[in-house]
Amino acid sequence: MTALLIILVAIILLVIGYVYYGSWLAKQWGIDPKRKTPAYTLEDGVDYCAAKPQVLMGHHYSSIAGAGPINGPIQASVFGWVPVFLWCVIGGIFFGGVQDFGSLFASIRHDGKSVGEIIKDSMGKRAQRLFTIFALLVLLLVIASFVNVVAGTFYTAAGGGVGFVTNPTGNQTTAMISLLFIVLAIIYGIVTNRFGVKTTPATIGGIICICLMVAFGLNVGFAMSRVAWIVFIGAYITIASLVPVWILLQPRDYLSSFLLYAMMAVALIGIIFSAFGGGAATFNMPAFTGWSTSLGTMFPVLFITVACGACSGFHSLIATGTTSKQLSNEADAKPIGYGSMLIESALGIIALIAVGMVYETYTSGGFGSPSVAFASGIALMFGTDGTAVNSVIKALLTLAVSVFTLTSLDTGTRLSRFMFSELFLKEGEASYKDVKGIRKLLAHPLFGTVFMVVVGCILGGLSLSQIWSLFGAANQLLAGIALMAIAAWLGEVGKNNKMFFVPMVFMLAATLTYLVMTVQKKIVLIGAGGAAWGDWFQFIFAAAMAVLAIILVVQGIQTFAAQAKAKKK
């Protein structure tokens, strides 16, 4: 019954936050449903392309979700369920939701451009370039981390060769269905955008095809070596980031969202079923385990680890990179920007409950990854290990997590293309076509994409555990800087920005503390002569990001001081 009460209280609080706080934010900022969005004013059929609200909701939610709201809360569960619950709910409503909604709104008022362009408006060109470099470093970690995760969920060590396999392992099944998903997305994009098939019948057909694909994948898998999968993933995300959004990105993310909705529905049914005596699972996670755990001290570790379940800087890049270019009406910014974040917070709570069903096994190292613990915990709500229903649910949930990781990966690559090009453009230059010389090459979409993908895949192929821990810190630091950027712009245009200051200061304090602690630990390790290559990588990367962030924070403080002084005159 504890699990049921936890999810009910979370849903009630998140709904109240959406209805009242979300509406207040929209009123404070001046959301205007009659104002034309960049999807229409700058339509190009490639990146700027108006999408129906439900389709864009699917894209945005699928892209921001990934494995983050599952892995983060599960890893942070060592602090107990109360701290994680409170941070997911409070963080989602007052931190992550404000950042996501604010980023999306600011971007549509900046021709659908990135946070860097928003920073340039209020903090200057130098700050914009520094932020763009910072964001590209984060995206490099995104590509490296997610390439590693996706390749790991596709590859099975046992056996060899390339091709179709019968009686597939879970990884081979996931790989097969994911490949079919790409084909289905392309077909869906073509029939809806070029043959005029309406969204409802196309969606019904798409869901039926997903069910058939799952049934096929459970019986026929696909196998390749880990290196081959990394090469394939690299090629796929390169192509996906360059083709028009309606061909692959929009339809893939929209169809993927139904897997996530189904996953959450199955979890909720399982929680209710278990609460009234069904299933084989009991929620046995302690409410609070202490200030210090195996992960470290609650501050700053909890707020770095939970990440996407409460607040994530990666969301601001998605909101300003792809979503703002497809938004058809400003009124949709609240449900898509703010609403998606709160749904993700609910998913974080579900993940917390899932691991609570297998808590002793998880804390004793009985699962290979948080995603496996998540799937196992929910499956156990329906029956003991080995039963048919348990096995099927476990396989489907593992698939859903993998699908969303790949979705975040191809969106992240597209974002890196935008920002890499922005780095080499000067004032008045709209694209690489307006540039001459070496900058024309560097600003070319293909060059930036290939560079980021190649470097990211090489790092991902090394399977460095340090990459993932760095991604968490860099991601949350990006959230603090994004909050600062939006607050500075709102102050510049005379709108209420006070709701940003507490989240901004808190996220910057937590992440900079974590990075400084990381640098200190690596200096000690290097000084003792016990540092491996990965330790050097983490030291250099953490130090560089901390320095960049501190410079941006100083410029932000100067901007806020100047705005305050101007108000007094």
Protein backbone atom coordinates (compact mmCIF):
# COMPACT_ATOMS: atom_id res chain seq x y z
CA MET A 1 0.00 0.00 0.00
CA THR A 2 2.98 2.32 0.59
CA ALA A 3 3.84 2.28 -3.12
CA LEU A 4 0.26 3.16 -4.11
CA LEU A 5 0.16 6.08 -1.66
CA ILE A 6 3.51 7.38 -2.95
CA ILE A 7 2.39 7.45 -6.58
CA LEU A 8 -1.06 8.89 -5.78
CA VAL A 9 0.40 11.76 -3.72
CA ALA A 10 2.98 12.42 -6.44
CA ILE A 11 0.36 12.56 -9.21
CA ILE A 12 -1.90 14.88 -7.19
CA LEU A 13 0.95 17.28 -6.41
CA LEU A 14 2.22 17.28 -10.00
CA VAL A 15 -1.27 17.94 -11.40
CA ILE A 16 -1.77 20.82 -8.96
CA GLY A 17 1.63 22.21 -9.99
CA TYR A 18 0.73 21.99 -13.69
CA VAL A 19 -2.70 23.59 -13.33
CA TYR A 20 -1.78 26.45 -10.99
CA TYR A 21 1.95 27.13 -11.17
CA GLY A 22 2.22 26.34 -14.89
CA SER A 23 -0.68 28.69 -15.68
CA TRP A 24 0.84 31.42 -13.49
CA LEU A 25 4.13 31.14 -15.38
CA ALA A 26 2.35 31.41 -18.74
CA LYS A 27 0.56 34.55 -17.55
CA GLN A 28 3.74 36.14 -16.15
CA TRP A 29 5.68 35.65 -19.37
CA GLY A 30 2.87 36.64 -21.73
CA ILE A 31 2.18 33.50 -23.76
CA ASP A 32 0.33 34.71 -26.88
CA PRO A 33 -1.71 32.10 -28.84
CA LYS A 34 -2.25 34.60 -31.68
CA ARG A 35 1.44 35.19 -32.32
CA LYS A 36 3.00 33.27 -35.23
CA THR A 37 5.74 30.85 -34.24
CA PRO A 38 9.09 30.29 -36.03
CA ALA A 39 7.71 27.01 -37.42
CA TYR A 40 5.64 29.19 -39.78
CA THR A 41 7.66 32.39 -40.12
CA LEU A 42 10.90 30.51 -40.93
CA GLU A 43 9.51 27.29 -42.38
CA ASP A 44 12.13 25.45 -44.47
CA GLY A 45 10.80 21.87 -44.55
CA VAL A 46 13.97 20.55 -42.89
CA ASP A 47 14.29 21.89 -39.33
CA TYR A 48 11.53 24.51 -39.18
CA CYS A 49 8.43 22.44 -39.73
CA ALA A 50 5.14 22.89 -37.82
CA ALA A 51 3.98 19.71 -36.10
CA LYS A 52 0.62 18.82 -34.63
CA PRO A 53 0.65 19.28 -30.84
CA GLN A 54 0.29 15.56 -30.07
CA VAL A 55 3.10 14.69 -32.48
CA LEU A 56 5.40 17.36 -31.07
CA MET A 57 4.51 16.26 -27.53
CA GLY A 58 5.64 12.77 -28.48
CA HIS A 59 8.90 14.07 -29.94
CA HIS A 60 9.70 16.33 -27.00
CA TYR A 61 8.80 13.81 -24.29
CA SER A 62 10.63 10.96 -25.99
CA SER A 63 13.72 13.10 -26.46
CA ILE A 64 13.95 14.44 -22.92
CA ALA A 65 13.14 11.11 -21.28
CA GLY A 66 15.71 8.59 -22.48
CA ALA A 67 17.01 6.44 -19.63
CA GLY A 68 17.58 9.43 -17.33
CA PRO A 69 14.36 9.47 -15.26
CA ILE A 70 14.77 5.74 -14.70
CA ASN A 71 18.49 5.41 -14.01
CA GLY A 72 18.82 8.56 -11.88
CA PRO A 73 16.12 7.97 -9.23
CA ILE A 74 17.11 4.29 -8.97
CA GLN A 75 20.77 5.13 -8.36
CA ALA A 76 19.78 7.82 -5.84
CA SER A 77 17.46 5.39 -4.01
CA VAL A 78 20.37 4.50 -1.70
CA PHE A 79 19.42 7.69 0.19
CA GLY A 80 15.90 6.31 0.78
CA TRP A 81 12.61 6.98 -0.98
CA VAL A 82 11.69 10.24 0.84
CA PRO A 83 14.62 12.38 -0.45
CA VAL A 84 14.17 11.11 -4.01
CA PHE A 85 10.38 11.58 -3.88
CA LEU A 86 10.68 15.15 -2.59
CA TRP A 87 13.30 16.14 -5.15
CA CYS A 88 11.37 14.63 -8.09
CA VAL A 89 8.17 16.47 -7.11
CA ILE A 90 9.62 19.79 -5.90
CA GLY A 91 12.36 19.77 -8.53
CA GLY A 92 9.92 18.95 -11.33
CA ILE A 93 7.43 21.70 -10.44
CA PHE A 94 9.75 24.53 -9.42
CA PHE A 95 13.09 23.72 -11.08
CA GLY A 96 12.93 21.46 -14.15
CA GLY A 97 9.48 22.56 -15.30
CA VAL A 98 10.43 26.25 -15.07
CA GLN A 99 13.64 25.64 -17.03
CA ASP A 100 11.96 23.58 -19.77
CA PHE A 101 8.95 25.86 -20.20
CA GLY A 102 11.10 29.00 -19.99
CA SER A 103 13.64 27.66 -22.49
CA LEU A 104 10.94 26.81 -25.01
CA PHE A 105 9.25 30.19 -24.62
CA ALA A 106 12.51 32.12 -24.89
CA SER A 107 13.53 30.19 -27.99
CA ILE A 108 10.29 30.80 -29.90
CA ARG A 109 10.81 34.51 -29.18
CA HIS A 110 14.32 34.15 -30.67
CA ASP A 111 13.37 32.58 -34.02
CA GLY A 112 13.65 29.05 -32.62
CA LYS A 113 17.34 29.48 -31.81
CA SER A 114 19.44 27.95 -29.04
CA VAL A 115 20.17 29.05 -25.48
CA GLY A 116 23.39 30.55 -26.85
CA GLU A 117 21.41 33.04 -28.93
CA ILE A 118 19.27 33.87 -25.89
CA ILE A 119 22.44 34.56 -23.90
CA LYS A 120 23.79 36.81 -26.67
CA ASP A 121 20.68 38.98 -26.39
CA SER A 122 21.29 39.86 -22.75
CA MET A 123 24.91 38.93 -21.92
CA GLY A 124 26.78 39.52 -25.17
CA LYS A 125 28.59 37.64 -27.93
CA ARG A 126 31.47 36.43 -25.74
CA ALA A 127 29.10 34.79 -23.30
CA GLN A 128 27.28 33.17 -26.21
CA ARG A 129 30.47 31.58 -27.55
CA LEU A 130 31.48 30.35 -24.12
CA PHE A 131 28.06 28.81 -23.60
CA THR A 132 28.11 27.17 -27.03
CA ILE A 133 31.48 25.57 -26.27
CA PHE A 134 30.14 24.42 -22.90
CA ALA A 135 26.98 22.96 -24.46
CA LEU A 136 28.99 21.14 -27.13
CA LEU A 137 31.11 19.52 -24.43
CA VAL A 138 27.90 18.36 -22.73
CA LEU A 139 26.52 17.04 -26.03
CA LEU A 140 29.79 15.18 -26.62
CA LEU A 141 29.24 13.44 -23.29
CA VAL A 142 25.61 12.75 -24.27
CA ILE A 143 26.67 11.08 -27.52
CA ALA A 144 29.48 9.11 -25.85
CA SER A 145 27.32 7.96 -22.92
CA PHE A 146 24.27 7.01 -24.96
CA VAL A 147 26.26 5.29 -27.72
CA ASN A 148 27.78 3.14 -25.00
CA VAL A 149 24.38 2.42 -23.42
CA VAL A 150 22.60 1.62 -26.71
CA ALA A 151 25.42 -0.58 -28.02
CA GLY A 152 25.34 -2.41 -24.68
CA THR A 153 21.60 -3.08 -24.97
CA PHE A 154 21.95 -4.36 -28.57
CA TYR A 155 25.07 -6.49 -28.19
CA THR A 156 25.15 -10.02 -26.76
CA ALA A 157 28.59 -11.39 -25.88
CA ALA A 158 27.59 -15.01 -26.45
CA GLY A 159 27.76 -16.21 -30.03
CA GLY A 160 29.22 -14.48 -33.05
CA GLY A 161 28.55 -13.39 -36.58
CA VAL A 162 26.11 -10.93 -38.09
CA GLY A 163 22.50 -11.60 -39.01
CA PHE A 164 19.11 -12.83 -37.89
CA VAL A 165 18.86 -15.28 -35.01
CA THR A 166 16.03 -17.45 -33.73
CA ASN A 167 15.43 -17.89 -29.99
CA PRO A 168 17.02 -14.47 -29.47
CA THR A 169 18.41 -13.05 -26.25
CA GLY A 170 16.79 -9.95 -24.79
CA ASN A 171 19.47 -7.74 -26.37
CA GLN A 172 19.01 -9.31 -29.81
CA THR A 173 15.25 -8.82 -29.52
CA THR A 174 15.75 -5.16 -28.55
CA ALA A 175 18.08 -4.67 -31.52
CA MET A 176 15.63 -6.22 -33.98
CA ILE A 177 12.64 -4.19 -32.81
CA SER A 178 14.70 -0.99 -32.75
CA LEU A 179 15.75 -1.53 -36.37
CA LEU A 180 12.15 -2.14 -37.40
CA PHE A 181 11.14 1.00 -35.50
CA ILE A 182 13.37 3.10 -37.74
CA VAL A 183 11.72 1.66 -40.87
CA LEU A 184 8.24 2.18 -39.43
CA ALA A 185 9.04 5.81 -38.55
CA ILE A 186 10.14 6.58 -42.13
CA ILE A 187 6.98 4.99 -43.55
CA TYR A 188 4.80 6.90 -41.06
CA GLY A 189 6.52 10.20 -41.92
CA ILE A 190 6.01 9.70 -45.64
CA VAL A 191 2.34 8.61 -45.51
CA THR A 192 1.34 11.46 -43.16
CA ASN A 193 3.38 14.26 -44.72
CA ARG A 194 3.37 13.33 -48.40
CA PHE A 195 0.23 11.25 -48.89
CA GLY A 196 -2.05 13.21 -46.56
CA VAL A 197 -3.07 10.35 -44.25
CA LYS A 198 -4.68 11.81 -41.12
CA THR A 199 -2.96 11.50 -37.74
CA THR A 200 -5.62 9.30 -36.07
CA PRO A 201 -5.75 6.45 -38.64
CA ALA A 202 -1.98 6.64 -39.13
CA THR A 203 -1.47 6.40 -35.36
CA ILE A 204 -3.77 3.39 -35.07
CA GLY A 205 -1.90 1.71 -37.92
CA GLY A 206 1.41 2.61 -36.31
CA ILE A 207 0.42 1.10 -32.95
CA ILE A 208 -0.72 -2.10 -34.66
CA CYS A 209 2.63 -2.27 -36.47
CA ILE A 210 4.48 -1.75 -33.16
CA CYS A 211 2.62 -4.72 -31.67
CA LEU A 212 3.50 -6.87 -34.71
CA MET A 213 7.12 -5.74 -34.53
CA VAL A 214 7.34 -6.68 -30.87
CA ALA A 215 5.85 -10.11 -31.56
CA PHE A 216 8.32 -10.63 -34.41
CA GLY A 217 11.29 -9.41 -32.36
CA LEU A 218 10.49 -11.80 -29.50
CA ASN A 219 10.98 -14.67 -31.95
CA VAL A 220 13.61 -13.33 -34.37
CA GLY A 221 16.50 -11.16 -33.23
CA PHE A 222 19.45 -9.49 -34.90
CA ALA A 223 23.10 -9.89 -33.89
CA MET A 224 26.31 -7.94 -34.55
CA SER A 225 29.55 -7.32 -32.69
CA ARG A 226 29.75 -4.38 -30.27
CA VAL A 227 32.07 -2.46 -32.60
CA ALA A 228 29.70 -3.05 -35.52
CA TRP A 229 26.80 -1.73 -33.47
CA ILE A 230 28.75 1.39 -32.55
CA VAL A 231 29.53 2.01 -36.23
CA PHE A 232 25.89 1.43 -37.16
CA ILE A 233 24.63 3.76 -34.41
CA GLY A 234 27.11 6.43 -35.52
CA ALA A 235 25.94 6.18 -39.13
CA TYR A 236 22.29 6.22 -38.10
CA ILE A 237 22.50 9.32 -35.87
CA THR A 238 24.51 11.14 -38.53
CA ILE A 239 21.81 10.57 -41.13
CA ALA A 240 18.98 11.20 -38.64
CA SER A 241 20.42 14.60 -37.73
CA LEU A 242 20.69 15.75 -41.35
CA VAL A 243 17.43 14.63 -42.99
CA PRO A 244 14.21 16.74 -42.65
CA VAL A 245 12.52 16.28 -39.27
CA TRP A 246 9.30 14.97 -40.80
CA ILE A 247 11.07 11.97 -42.37
CA LEU A 248 12.45 10.41 -39.21
CA LEU A 249 12.68 12.56 -36.06
CA GLN A 250 9.02 13.58 -35.71
CA PRO A 251 7.44 10.21 -36.55
CA ARG A 252 9.99 8.09 -34.68
CA ASP A 253 9.67 10.10 -31.47
CA TYR A 254 5.88 10.28 -31.76
CA LEU A 255 5.51 6.54 -32.18
CA SER A 256 8.10 5.89 -29.49
CA SER A 257 6.08 7.95 -27.03
CA PHE A 258 3.33 5.32 -27.09
CA LEU A 259 5.82 2.79 -25.78
CA LEU A 260 6.61 5.12 -22.90
CA TYR A 261 2.95 5.80 -22.15
CA ALA A 262 2.29 2.05 -22.23
CA MET A 263 5.27 1.44 -19.95
CA MET A 264 3.94 3.91 -17.39
CA ALA A 265 0.42 2.47 -17.65
CA VAL A 266 1.72 -1.07 -17.06
CA ALA A 267 3.68 0.18 -14.05
CA LEU A 268 0.62 1.91 -12.57
CA ILE A 269 -1.50 -1.23 -13.06
CA GLY A 270 1.24 -3.27 -11.39
CA ILE A 271 1.39 -0.88 -8.39
CA ILE A 272 -2.40 -1.10 -7.93
CA PHE A 273 -2.35 -4.87 -8.40
CA SER A 274 0.38 -5.30 -5.77
CA ALA A 275 -1.32 -2.93 -3.32
CA PHE A 276 -4.37 -5.16 -3.17
CA GLY A 277 -2.57 -8.44 -2.67
CA GLY A 278 -1.62 -9.39 -6.22
CA GLY A 279 1.81 -9.97 -7.70
CA ALA A 280 4.91 -11.20 -5.92
CA ALA A 281 6.45 -7.86 -4.94
CA THR A 282 6.51 -5.80 -1.77
CA PHE A 283 7.83 -2.25 -1.50
CA ASN A 284 10.64 -2.51 1.07
CA MET A 285 12.80 0.58 0.56
CA PRO A 286 13.60 2.54 3.74
CA ALA A 287 12.30 6.09 3.92
CA PHE A 288 15.73 7.54 4.72
CA THR A 289 19.13 5.88 5.02
CA GLY A 290 21.30 8.79 6.11
CA TRP A 291 23.13 11.89 4.91
CA SER A 292 26.12 9.93 3.63
CA THR A 293 25.94 6.76 1.52
CA SER A 294 28.05 4.76 -0.91
CA LEU A 295 27.40 7.48 -3.53
CA GLY A 296 28.60 10.28 -1.27
CA THR A 297 26.86 13.01 0.74
CA MET A 298 23.27 13.93 -0.07
CA PHE A 299 24.39 17.41 -1.08
CA PRO A 300 25.43 17.63 -3.82
CA VAL A 301 25.18 13.98 -4.96
CA LEU A 302 21.39 13.49 -4.79
CA PHE A 303 20.74 16.52 -6.99
CA ILE A 304 23.33 15.43 -9.55
CA THR A 305 22.20 11.80 -9.66
CA VAL A 306 18.40 12.13 -10.02
CA ALA A 307 18.89 14.46 -13.02
CA CYS A 308 16.07 14.07 -15.58
CA GLY A 309 13.50 13.07 -12.95
CA ALA A 310 13.65 16.59 -11.49
CA CYS A 311 15.80 18.96 -13.56
CA SER A 312 18.07 18.42 -16.57
CA GLY A 313 20.04 20.88 -18.64
CA PHE A 314 19.76 18.60 -21.68
CA HIS A 315 16.05 19.49 -21.76
CA SER A 316 16.86 23.14 -22.43
CA LEU A 317 18.90 22.14 -25.48
CA ILE A 318 16.04 20.03 -26.85
CA ALA A 319 13.45 22.74 -26.14
CA THR A 320 15.55 25.37 -27.94
CA GLY A 321 17.06 23.07 -30.56
CA THR A 322 14.26 21.03 -32.14
CA THR A 323 10.96 21.58 -30.28
CA SER A 324 10.85 25.36 -30.70
CA LYS A 325 11.30 24.96 -34.47
CA GLN A 326 8.21 22.73 -34.69
CA LEU A 327 5.82 24.43 -32.23
CA SER A 328 2.68 25.50 -34.10
CA ASN A 329 1.13 27.66 -31.37
CA GLU A 330 2.56 29.43 -28.30
CA ALA A 331 -0.32 28.05 -26.22
CA ASP A 332 1.15 24.57 -26.69
CA ALA A 333 4.37 25.60 -24.94
CA LYS A 334 2.85 24.93 -21.51
CA PRO A 335 1.68 21.31 -22.05
CA ILE A 336 4.73 20.42 -24.14
CA GLY A 337 7.41 22.28 -22.16
CA TYR A 338 6.06 22.24 -18.61
CA GLY A 339 3.74 19.23 -18.85
CA SER A 340 6.35 16.88 -20.32
CA MET A 341 8.72 17.64 -17.43
CA LEU A 342 6.06 16.78 -14.85
CA ILE A 343 5.23 13.53 -16.63
CA GLU A 344 8.92 12.74 -16.49
CA SER A 345 8.92 13.44 -12.75
CA ALA A 346 6.06 10.94 -12.43
CA LEU A 347 8.17 8.41 -14.35
CA GLY A 348 11.00 9.07 -11.89
CA ILE A 349 8.65 8.22 -9.00
CA ILE A 350 7.54 5.05 -10.81
CA ALA A 351 11.20 4.06 -11.22
CA LEU A 352 11.71 4.66 -7.50
CA ILE A 353 8.78 2.39 -6.67
CA ALA A 354 9.99 -0.27 -9.11
CA VAL A 355 13.41 -0.55 -7.47
CA GLY A 356 11.70 -0.55 -4.07
CA MET A 357 10.13 -3.87 -5.07
CA VAL A 358 13.59 -5.44 -5.53
CA TYR A 359 15.56 -3.19 -3.20
CA GLU A 360 17.60 -5.82 -1.37
CA THR A 361 18.63 -7.48 -4.62
CA TYR A 362 19.52 -4.09 -6.15
CA THR A 363 21.62 -2.86 -3.23
CA SER A 364 23.47 -6.19 -3.11
CA GLY A 365 24.48 -5.79 -6.77
CA GLY A 366 22.03 -8.31 -8.16
CA PHE A 367 21.28 -6.37 -11.37
CA GLY A 368 23.58 -5.39 -14.19
CA SER A 369 22.09 -1.91 -14.53
CA PRO A 370 19.33 0.32 -13.08
CA SER A 371 17.26 -0.33 -16.23
CA VAL A 372 17.26 -4.07 -15.51
CA ALA A 373 16.27 -3.40 -11.90
CA PHE A 374 13.41 -1.18 -13.16
CA ALA A 375 12.08 -3.83 -15.52
CA SER A 376 12.49 -6.59 -12.92
CA GLY A 377 10.72 -4.60 -10.20
CA ILE A 378 7.66 -3.86 -12.33
CA ALA A 379 7.54 -7.39 -13.78
CA LEU A 380 7.59 -8.81 -10.24
CA MET A 381 4.39 -6.89 -9.49
CA PHE A 382 2.60 -9.21 -11.93
CA GLY A 383 4.18 -12.55 -11.02
CA THR A 384 7.30 -14.36 -9.85
CA ASP A 385 10.43 -14.71 -11.96
CA GLY A 386 10.15 -17.33 -14.67
CA THR A 387 6.42 -16.99 -15.29
CA ALA A 388 5.32 -16.08 -18.81
CA VAL A 389 3.78 -12.71 -17.86
CA ASN A 390 6.86 -11.74 -15.84
CA SER A 391 9.22 -12.56 -18.71
CA VAL A 392 7.17 -10.74 -21.36
CA ILE A 393 6.75 -7.57 -19.27
CA LYS A 394 10.45 -7.55 -18.39
CA ALA A 395 11.41 -7.84 -22.07
CA LEU A 396 9.01 -5.09 -23.17
CA LEU A 397 10.13 -2.67 -20.46
CA THR A 398 13.79 -3.23 -21.28
CA LEU A 399 12.93 -2.53 -24.93
CA ALA A 400 11.11 0.70 -24.06
CA VAL A 401 14.10 2.03 -22.11
CA SER A 402 16.43 1.21 -25.01
CA VAL A 403 14.16 2.86 -27.59
CA PHE A 404 14.13 6.10 -25.61
CA THR A 405 17.86 6.14 -25.13
CA LEU A 406 18.30 5.92 -28.91
CA THR A 407 15.69 8.68 -29.37
CA SER A 408 17.59 11.02 -27.05
CA LEU A 409 20.79 10.13 -28.89
CA ASP A 410 19.60 11.10 -32.37
CA THR A 411 18.01 14.31 -31.04
CA GLY A 412 21.23 15.17 -29.20
CA THR A 413 23.21 14.72 -32.40
CA ARG A 414 20.89 17.07 -34.27
CA LEU A 415 21.35 19.64 -31.51
CA SER A 416 25.13 19.36 -31.80
CA ARG A 417 24.81 20.11 -35.54
CA PHE A 418 22.97 23.38 -34.82
CA MET A 419 25.35 24.52 -32.10
CA PHE A 420 28.56 23.51 -33.89
CA SER A 421 27.54 25.64 -36.87
CA GLU A 422 26.56 28.58 -34.62
CA LEU A 423 30.06 28.58 -33.15
CA PHE A 424 31.62 29.64 -36.48
CA LEU A 425 28.99 32.11 -37.68
CA LYS A 426 29.39 35.86 -37.24
CA GLU A 427 26.74 38.53 -36.81
CA GLY A 428 24.43 38.67 -39.84
CA GLU A 429 25.43 35.23 -41.16
CA ALA A 430 22.39 32.94 -41.20
CA SER A 431 24.13 29.73 -42.31
CA TYR A 432 27.35 28.27 -43.73
CA LYS A 433 26.20 29.47 -47.17
CA ASP A 434 26.89 33.07 -46.09
CA VAL A 435 30.49 32.26 -45.05
CA LYS A 436 33.75 31.98 -46.99
CA GLY A 437 37.07 30.25 -46.38
CA ILE A 438 37.77 27.73 -43.62
CA ARG A 439 34.76 28.91 -41.62
CA LYS A 440 32.49 27.73 -44.44
CA LEU A 441 33.80 24.19 -43.93
CA LEU A 442 33.63 24.36 -40.13
CA ALA A 443 30.08 25.77 -40.17
CA HIS A 444 28.86 23.16 -42.67
CA PRO A 445 26.21 20.88 -41.07
CA LEU A 446 27.93 17.72 -42.32
CA PHE A 447 31.33 18.66 -40.88
CA GLY A 448 30.00 19.44 -37.40
CA THR A 449 27.82 16.33 -37.33
CA VAL A 450 30.59 13.96 -38.43
CA PHE A 451 33.09 15.52 -36.02
CA MET A 452 30.78 15.17 -32.99
CA VAL A 453 29.66 11.68 -33.94
CA VAL A 454 33.16 10.32 -34.57
CA VAL A 455 34.60 11.72 -31.34
CA GLY A 456 31.50 10.68 -29.37
CA CYS A 457 31.53 7.14 -30.76
CA ILE A 458 35.25 6.74 -30.00
CA LEU A 459 34.67 7.82 -26.39
CA GLY A 460 31.54 5.66 -26.15
CA GLY A 461 33.43 2.69 -27.52
CA LEU A 462 35.94 2.95 -24.67
CA SER A 463 33.15 2.16 -22.17
CA LEU A 464 34.59 4.56 -19.63
CA SER A 465 32.45 4.64 -16.49
CA GLN A 466 33.83 8.14 -15.85
CA ILE A 467 31.91 9.48 -18.86
CA TRP A 468 28.52 8.79 -17.29
CA SER A 469 29.37 10.37 -13.93
CA LEU A 470 30.74 13.43 -15.75
CA PHE A 471 27.59 13.64 -17.87
CA GLY A 472 25.44 13.91 -14.73
CA ALA A 473 27.44 16.83 -13.35
CA ALA A 474 27.78 18.60 -16.71
CA ASN A 475 24.09 18.12 -17.45
CA GLN A 476 22.98 19.67 -14.16
CA LEU A 477 25.48 22.51 -14.49
CA LEU A 478 24.00 23.22 -17.90
CA ALA A 479 20.59 23.49 -16.20
CA GLY A 480 21.91 26.19 -13.87
CA ILE A 481 23.38 28.15 -16.78
CA ALA A 482 20.19 27.77 -18.85
CA LEU A 483 18.13 29.09 -15.92
CA MET A 484 20.53 32.04 -15.68
CA ALA A 485 20.26 32.73 -19.43
CA ILE A 486 16.46 32.79 -19.45
CA ALA A 487 16.31 34.91 -16.29
CA ALA A 488 18.73 37.42 -17.84
CA TRP A 489 16.69 37.66 -21.04
CA LEU A 490 13.37 38.04 -19.20
CA GLY A 491 14.93 40.79 -17.11
CA GLU A 492 16.17 42.47 -20.29
CA VAL A 493 12.67 42.56 -21.81
CA GLY A 494 11.01 43.63 -18.56
CA LYS A 495 9.20 40.41 -17.64
CA ASN A 496 9.05 38.70 -14.23
CA ASN A 497 12.15 36.52 -13.78
CA LYS A 498 12.14 36.08 -9.98
CA MET A 499 10.99 32.44 -10.22
CA PHE A 500 14.38 31.58 -11.75
CA PHE A 501 16.74 32.81 -9.05
CA VAL A 502 16.34 30.10 -6.38
CA PRO A 503 16.54 27.19 -8.90
CA MET A 504 19.47 28.89 -10.67
CA VAL A 505 21.55 29.47 -7.52
CA PHE A 506 20.79 26.02 -6.13
CA MET A 507 21.70 24.13 -9.32
CA LEU A 508 24.89 26.15 -9.83
CA ALA A 509 25.94 25.62 -6.19
CA ALA A 510 25.27 21.85 -6.29
CA THR A 511 27.00 21.21 -9.60
CA LEU A 512 30.02 23.44 -9.09
CA THR A 513 30.52 21.86 -5.65
CA TYR A 514 30.42 18.41 -7.24
CA LEU A 515 32.88 19.36 -9.99
CA VAL A 516 35.31 20.95 -7.53
CA MET A 517 35.14 17.81 -5.37
CA THR A 518 35.81 15.69 -8.46
CA VAL A 519 38.83 17.79 -9.45
CA GLN A 520 40.21 17.58 -5.90
CA LYS A 521 39.88 13.78 -5.83
CA LYS A 522 41.59 13.41 -9.20
CA ILE A 523 44.45 15.71 -8.17
CA VAL A 524 45.09 13.52 -5.13
CA LEU A 525 44.94 10.37 -7.29
CA ILE A 526 47.26 11.83 -9.93
CA GLY A 527 49.67 13.04 -7.26
CA ALA A 528 49.79 9.52 -5.78
CA GLY A 529 50.64 8.08 -9.20
CA GLY A 530 47.52 5.91 -9.33
CA ALA A 531 45.62 7.69 -12.11
CA ALA A 532 44.47 5.79 -15.19
CA TRP A 533 43.62 7.39 -18.56
CA GLY A 534 39.99 7.74 -17.51
CA ASP A 535 40.95 9.66 -14.37
CA TRP A 536 42.96 12.13 -16.45
CA PHE A 537 40.02 12.50 -18.82
CA GLN A 538 37.64 13.19 -15.94
CA PHE A 539 40.06 15.67 -14.32
CA ILE A 540 40.61 17.68 -17.53
CA PHE A 541 36.95 17.65 -18.54
CA ALA A 542 35.65 18.56 -15.07
CA ALA A 543 38.20 21.38 -14.65
CA ALA A 544 37.41 22.83 -18.11
CA MET A 545 33.66 22.79 -17.50
CA ALA A 546 34.02 24.34 -14.05
CA VAL A 547 36.16 27.19 -15.43
CA LEU A 548 33.77 27.87 -18.32
CA ALA A 549 30.79 27.84 -15.96
CA ILE A 550 32.42 30.20 -13.45
CA ILE A 551 33.21 32.70 -16.23
CA LEU A 552 29.58 32.55 -17.41
CA VAL A 553 28.28 32.92 -13.86
CA VAL A 554 30.42 36.04 -13.32
CA GLN A 555 29.03 37.54 -16.53
CA GLY A 556 25.53 36.62 -15.42
CA ILE A 557 25.99 38.37 -12.09
CA GLN A 558 27.23 41.47 -13.91
CA THR A 559 24.17 41.36 -16.19
CA PHE A 560 21.73 41.07 -13.28
CA ALA A 561 23.51 43.90 -11.44
CA ALA A 562 23.26 46.14 -14.49
CA GLN A 563 19.55 45.33 -14.89
CA ALA A 564 18.89 46.10 -11.22
CA LYS A 565 20.76 49.41 -11.54
CA ALA A 566 18.79 50.35 -14.66
CA LYS A 567 15.50 49.73 -12.82
CA LYS A 568 16.43 52.16 -10.06
CA LYS A 569 16.96 55.01 -12.52
